[in-house]
Amino acid sequence: MLQEEYKTPNETAKMLDVDKSTLWRWAKQGYLVPVKWGNKSRYKLSDIRCCMEG
């Protein structure tokens, strides 16, 4: 079984070459939704790759 990797909002924004405000807007639109761990948000690497591809 493959283990999912999670990225911080800063890492995600850098990978996608967007501002963190764009990540917030995408989350509200349901395009790229983070996983919440307590008060922290993390993005699945597999979801980030999907955004990069299309």
PDB file of N, CA and C in Angstrom:
ATOM      1  N   MET A   1       0.842  -1.186   0.000  1.00  0.00           N
ATOM      2  CA  MET A   1       0.000   0.000   0.000  1.00  0.00           C
ATOM      3  C   MET A   1       0.883   1.244   0.000  1.00  0.00           C
ATOM      4  N   LEU A   2       0.586   2.169  -0.896  1.00  0.00           N
ATOM      5  CA  LEU A   2       1.350   3.405  -0.975  1.00  0.00           C
ATOM      6  C   LEU A   2       0.899   4.369   0.108  1.00  0.00           C
ATOM      7  N   GLN A   3       1.855   5.037   0.693  1.00  0.00           N
ATOM      8  CA  GLN A   3       1.532   6.019   1.722  1.00  0.00           C
ATOM      9  C   GLN A   3       1.439   7.395   1.076  1.00  0.00           C
ATOM     10  N   GLU A   4       0.375   8.105   1.358  1.00  0.00           N
ATOM     11  CA  GLU A   4       0.157   9.441   0.794  1.00  0.00           C
ATOM     12  C   GLU A   4       1.104  10.434   1.446  1.00  0.00           C
ATOM     13  N   GLU A   5       1.592  11.365   0.641  1.00  0.00           N
ATOM     14  CA  GLU A   5       2.447  12.428   1.144  1.00  0.00           C
ATOM     15  C   GLU A   5       1.628  13.717   1.184  1.00  0.00           C
ATOM     16  N   TYR A   6       1.851  14.518   2.201  1.00  0.00           N
ATOM     17  CA  TYR A   6       1.094  15.757   2.380  1.00  0.00           C
ATOM     18  C   TYR A   6       2.035  16.949   2.380  1.00  0.00           C
ATOM     19  N   LYS A   7       1.581  18.050   1.802  1.00  0.00           N
ATOM     20  CA  LYS A   7       2.382  19.271   1.708  1.00  0.00           C
ATOM     21  C   LYS A   7       1.683  20.419   2.433  1.00  0.00           C
ATOM     22  N   THR A   8       2.486  21.332   2.955  1.00  0.00           N
ATOM     23  CA  THR A   8       1.942  22.524   3.609  1.00  0.00           C
ATOM     24  C   THR A   8       1.394  23.475   2.545  1.00  0.00           C
ATOM     25  N   PRO A   9       0.580  24.440   2.956  1.00  0.00           N
ATOM     26  CA  PRO A   9       0.106  25.431   1.981  1.00  0.00           C
ATOM     27  C   PRO A   9       1.255  26.174   1.285  1.00  0.00           C
ATOM     28  N   ASN A  10       2.304  26.501   2.011  1.00  0.00           N
ATOM     29  CA  ASN A  10       3.441  27.191   1.389  1.00  0.00           C
ATOM     30  C   ASN A  10       4.112  26.319   0.337  1.00  0.00           C
ATOM     31  N   GLU A  11       4.332  25.048   0.658  1.00  0.00           N
ATOM     32  CA  GLU A  11       4.949  24.124  -0.293  1.00  0.00           C
ATOM     33  C   GLU A  11       4.055  23.927  -1.518  1.00  0.00           C
ATOM     34  N   THR A  12       2.750  23.819  -1.274  1.00  0.00           N
ATOM     35  CA  THR A  12       1.790  23.616  -2.356  1.00  0.00           C
ATOM     36  C   THR A  12       1.757  24.814  -3.292  1.00  0.00           C
ATOM     37  N   ALA A  13       1.705  26.007  -2.723  1.00  0.00           N
ATOM     38  CA  ALA A  13       1.679  27.231  -3.532  1.00  0.00           C
ATOM     39  C   ALA A  13       2.945  27.336  -4.382  1.00  0.00           C
ATOM     40  N   LYS A  14       4.072  26.981  -3.804  1.00  0.00           N
ATOM     41  CA  LYS A  14       5.340  27.039  -4.545  1.00  0.00           C
ATOM     42  C   LYS A  14       5.353  26.019  -5.686  1.00  0.00           C
ATOM     43  N   MET A  15       4.871  24.811  -5.414  1.00  0.00           N
ATOM     44  CA  MET A  15       4.846  23.768  -6.444  1.00  0.00           C
ATOM     45  C   MET A  15       3.960  24.154  -7.624  1.00  0.00           C
ATOM     46  N   LEU A  16       2.815  24.804  -7.323  1.00  0.00           N
ATOM     47  CA  LEU A  16       1.856  25.167  -8.362  1.00  0.00           C
ATOM     48  C   LEU A  16       2.104  26.566  -8.921  1.00  0.00           C
ATOM     49  N   ASP A  17       3.083  27.270  -8.361  1.00  0.00           N
ATOM     50  CA  ASP A  17       3.429  28.626  -8.774  1.00  0.00           C
ATOM     51  C   ASP A  17       2.215  29.560  -8.695  1.00  0.00           C
ATOM     52  N   VAL A  18       1.530  29.499  -7.544  1.00  0.00           N
ATOM     53  CA  VAL A  18       0.392  30.371  -7.278  1.00  0.00           C
ATOM     54  C   VAL A  18       0.555  30.983  -5.887  1.00  0.00           C
ATOM     55  N   ASP A  19      -0.255  31.989  -5.605  1.00  0.00           N
ATOM     56  CA  ASP A  19      -0.267  32.619  -4.288  1.00  0.00           C
ATOM     57  C   ASP A  19      -1.129  31.783  -3.343  1.00  0.00           C
ATOM     58  N   LYS A  20      -0.879  31.904  -2.050  1.00  0.00           N
ATOM     59  CA  LYS A  20      -1.695  31.160  -1.080  1.00  0.00           C
ATOM     60  C   LYS A  20      -3.158  31.586  -1.127  1.00  0.00           C
ATOM     61  N   SER A  21      -3.430  32.813  -1.536  1.00  0.00           N
ATOM     62  CA  SER A  21      -4.823  33.249  -1.664  1.00  0.00           C
ATOM     63  C   SER A  21      -5.536  32.459  -2.768  1.00  0.00           C
ATOM     64  N   THR A  22      -4.792  32.041  -3.773  1.00  0.00           N
ATOM     65  CA  THR A  22      -5.369  31.200  -4.834  1.00  0.00           C
ATOM     66  C   THR A  22      -5.750  29.844  -4.268  1.00  0.00           C
ATOM     67  N   LEU A  23      -4.916  29.286  -3.399  1.00  0.00           N
ATOM     68  CA  LEU A  23      -5.237  28.013  -2.755  1.00  0.00           C
ATOM     69  C   LEU A  23      -6.522  28.141  -1.944  1.00  0.00           C
ATOM     70  N   TRP A  24      -6.661  29.250  -1.244  1.00  0.00           N
ATOM     71  CA  TRP A  24      -7.866  29.487  -0.443  1.00  0.00           C
ATOM     72  C   TRP A  24      -9.100  29.538  -1.345  1.00  0.00           C
ATOM     73  N   ARG A  25      -8.984  30.254  -2.481  1.00  0.00           N
ATOM     74  CA  ARG A  25     -10.103  30.365  -3.416  1.00  0.00           C
ATOM     75  C   ARG A  25     -10.445  29.004  -4.023  1.00  0.00           C
ATOM     76  N   TRP A  26      -9.427  28.240  -4.404  1.00  0.00           N
ATOM     77  CA  TRP A  26      -9.643  26.902  -4.963  1.00  0.00           C
ATOM     78  C   TRP A  26     -10.346  25.993  -3.956  1.00  0.00           C
ATOM     79  N   ALA A  27      -9.976  26.101  -2.685  1.00  0.00           N
ATOM     80  CA  ALA A  27     -10.610  25.289  -1.641  1.00  0.00           C
ATOM     81  C   ALA A  27     -12.097  25.640  -1.546  1.00  0.00           C
ATOM     82  N   LYS A  28     -12.424  26.938  -1.617  1.00  0.00           N
ATOM     83  CA  LYS A  28     -13.823  27.364  -1.549  1.00  0.00           C
ATOM     84  C   LYS A  28     -14.611  26.874  -2.756  1.00  0.00           C
ATOM     85  N   GLN A  29     -13.934  26.750  -3.908  1.00  0.00           N
ATOM     86  CA  GLN A  29     -14.586  26.294  -5.139  1.00  0.00           C
ATOM     87  C   GLN A  29     -14.628  24.764  -5.233  1.00  0.00           C
ATOM     88  N   GLY A  30     -13.901  24.078  -4.334  1.00  0.00           N
ATOM     89  CA  GLY A  30     -13.861  22.624  -4.366  1.00  0.00           C
ATOM     90  C   GLY A  30     -12.852  22.063  -5.354  1.00  0.00           C
ATOM     91  N   TYR A  31     -11.990  22.921  -5.902  1.00  0.00           N
ATOM     92  CA  TYR A  31     -11.016  22.498  -6.909  1.00  0.00           C
ATOM     93  C   TYR A  31      -9.839  21.747  -6.282  1.00  0.00           C
ATOM     94  N   LEU A  32      -9.270  22.309  -5.236  1.00  0.00           N
ATOM     95  CA  LEU A  32      -8.158  21.676  -4.515  1.00  0.00           C
ATOM     96  C   LEU A  32      -8.413  21.898  -3.027  1.00  0.00           C
ATOM     97  N   VAL A  33      -8.950  20.890  -2.380  1.00  0.00           N
ATOM     98  CA  VAL A  33      -9.387  21.019  -0.987  1.00  0.00           C
ATOM     99  C   VAL A  33      -8.348  20.387  -0.060  1.00  0.00           C
ATOM    100  N   PRO A  34      -7.889  21.130   0.940  1.00  0.00           N
ATOM    101  CA  PRO A  34      -6.915  20.576   1.874  1.00  0.00           C
ATOM    102  C   PRO A  34      -7.552  19.642   2.894  1.00  0.00           C
ATOM    103  N   VAL A  35      -6.704  18.823   3.492  1.00  0.00           N
ATOM    104  CA  VAL A  35      -7.105  17.966   4.606  1.00  0.00           C
ATOM    105  C   VAL A  35      -6.780  18.752   5.876  1.00  0.00           C
ATOM    106  N   LYS A  36      -7.695  18.781   6.816  1.00  0.00           N
ATOM    107  CA  LYS A  36      -7.463  19.504   8.069  1.00  0.00           C
ATOM    108  C   LYS A  36      -6.981  18.541   9.145  1.00  0.00           C
ATOM    109  N   TRP A  37      -5.861  18.892   9.757  1.00  0.00           N
ATOM    110  CA  TRP A  37      -5.342  18.161  10.915  1.00  0.00           C
ATOM    111  C   TRP A  37      -5.300  19.157  12.059  1.00  0.00           C
ATOM    112  N   GLY A  38      -6.298  19.111  12.924  1.00  0.00           N
ATOM    113  CA  GLY A  38      -6.391  20.112  13.983  1.00  0.00           C
ATOM    114  C   GLY A  38      -6.630  21.463  13.345  1.00  0.00           C
ATOM    115  N   ASN A  39      -5.734  22.414  13.592  1.00  0.00           N
ATOM    116  CA  ASN A  39      -5.868  23.740  12.985  1.00  0.00           C
ATOM    117  C   ASN A  39      -4.937  23.917  11.790  1.00  0.00           C
ATOM    118  N   LYS A  40      -4.360  22.820  11.305  1.00  0.00           N
ATOM    119  CA  LYS A  40      -3.428  22.886  10.181  1.00  0.00           C
ATOM    120  C   LYS A  40      -4.054  22.303   8.925  1.00  0.00           C
ATOM    121  N   SER A  41      -3.705  22.896   7.794  1.00  0.00           N
ATOM    122  CA  SER A  41      -4.158  22.403   6.496  1.00  0.00           C
ATOM    123  C   SER A  41      -2.988  21.741   5.788  1.00  0.00           C
ATOM    124  N   ARG A  42      -3.266  20.626   5.157  1.00  0.00           N
ATOM    125  CA  ARG A  42      -2.264  19.931   4.360  1.00  0.00           C
ATOM    126  C   ARG A  42      -2.916  19.495   3.057  1.00  0.00           C
ATOM    127  N   TYR A  43      -2.134  19.511   1.994  1.00  0.00           N
ATOM    128  CA  TYR A  43      -2.624  19.124   0.677  1.00  0.00           C
ATOM    129  C   TYR A  43      -1.997  17.805   0.268  1.00  0.00           C
ATOM    130  N   LYS A  44      -2.829  16.902  -0.274  1.00  0.00           N
ATOM    131  CA  LYS A  44      -2.326  15.612  -0.741  1.00  0.00           C
ATOM    132  C   LYS A  44      -1.479  15.832  -1.982  1.00  0.00           C
ATOM    133  N   LEU A  45      -0.311  15.191  -2.012  1.00  0.00           N
ATOM    134  CA  LEU A  45       0.572  15.312  -3.155  1.00  0.00           C
ATOM    135  C   LEU A  45      -0.118  14.787  -4.419  1.00  0.00           C
ATOM    136  N   SER A  46      -0.908  13.739  -4.304  1.00  0.00           N
ATOM    137  CA  SER A  46      -1.612  13.201  -5.475  1.00  0.00           C
ATOM    138  C   SER A  46      -2.594  14.227  -6.035  1.00  0.00           C
ATOM    139  N   ASP A  47      -3.260  15.009  -5.161  1.00  0.00           N
ATOM    140  CA  ASP A  47      -4.176  16.060  -5.627  1.00  0.00           C
ATOM    141  C   ASP A  47      -3.411  17.191  -6.295  1.00  0.00           C
ATOM    142  N   ILE A  48      -2.250  17.533  -5.747  1.00  0.00           N
ATOM    143  CA  ILE A  48      -1.407  18.589  -6.327  1.00  0.00           C
ATOM    144  C   ILE A  48      -0.973  18.178  -7.722  1.00  0.00           C
ATOM    145  N   ARG A  49      -0.566  16.932  -7.867  1.00  0.00           N
ATOM    146  CA  ARG A  49      -0.122  16.443  -9.188  1.00  0.00           C
ATOM    147  C   ARG A  49      -1.267  16.486 -10.205  1.00  0.00           C
ATOM    148  N   CYS A  50      -2.462  16.180  -9.769  1.00  0.00           N
ATOM    149  CA  CYS A  50      -3.630  16.257 -10.669  1.00  0.00           C
ATOM    150  C   CYS A  50      -3.827  17.692 -11.169  1.00  0.00           C
ATOM    151  N   CYS A  51      -3.649  18.660 -10.294  1.00  0.00           N
ATOM    152  CA  CYS A  51      -3.773  20.062 -10.681  1.00  0.00           C
ATOM    153  C   CYS A  51      -2.677  20.458 -11.665  1.00  0.00           C
ATOM    154  N   MET A  52      -1.493  19.933 -11.454  1.00  0.00           N
ATOM    155  CA  MET A  52      -0.364  20.261 -12.330  1.00  0.00           C
ATOM    156  C   MET A  52      -0.579  19.680 -13.730  1.00  0.00           C
ATOM    157  N   GLU A  53      -1.240  18.528 -13.811  1.00  0.00           N
ATOM    158  CA  GLU A  53      -1.426  17.855 -15.095  1.00  0.00           C
ATOM    159  C   GLU A  53      -2.578  18.423 -15.905  1.00  0.00           C
ATOM    160  N   GLY A  54      -3.557  18.973 -15.231  1.00  0.00           N
ATOM    161  CA  GLY A  54      -4.694  19.409 -16.023  1.00  0.00           C
ATOM    162  C   GLY A  54      -5.458  20.487 -15.408  1.00  0.00           C
TER     163      GLY A  54
END
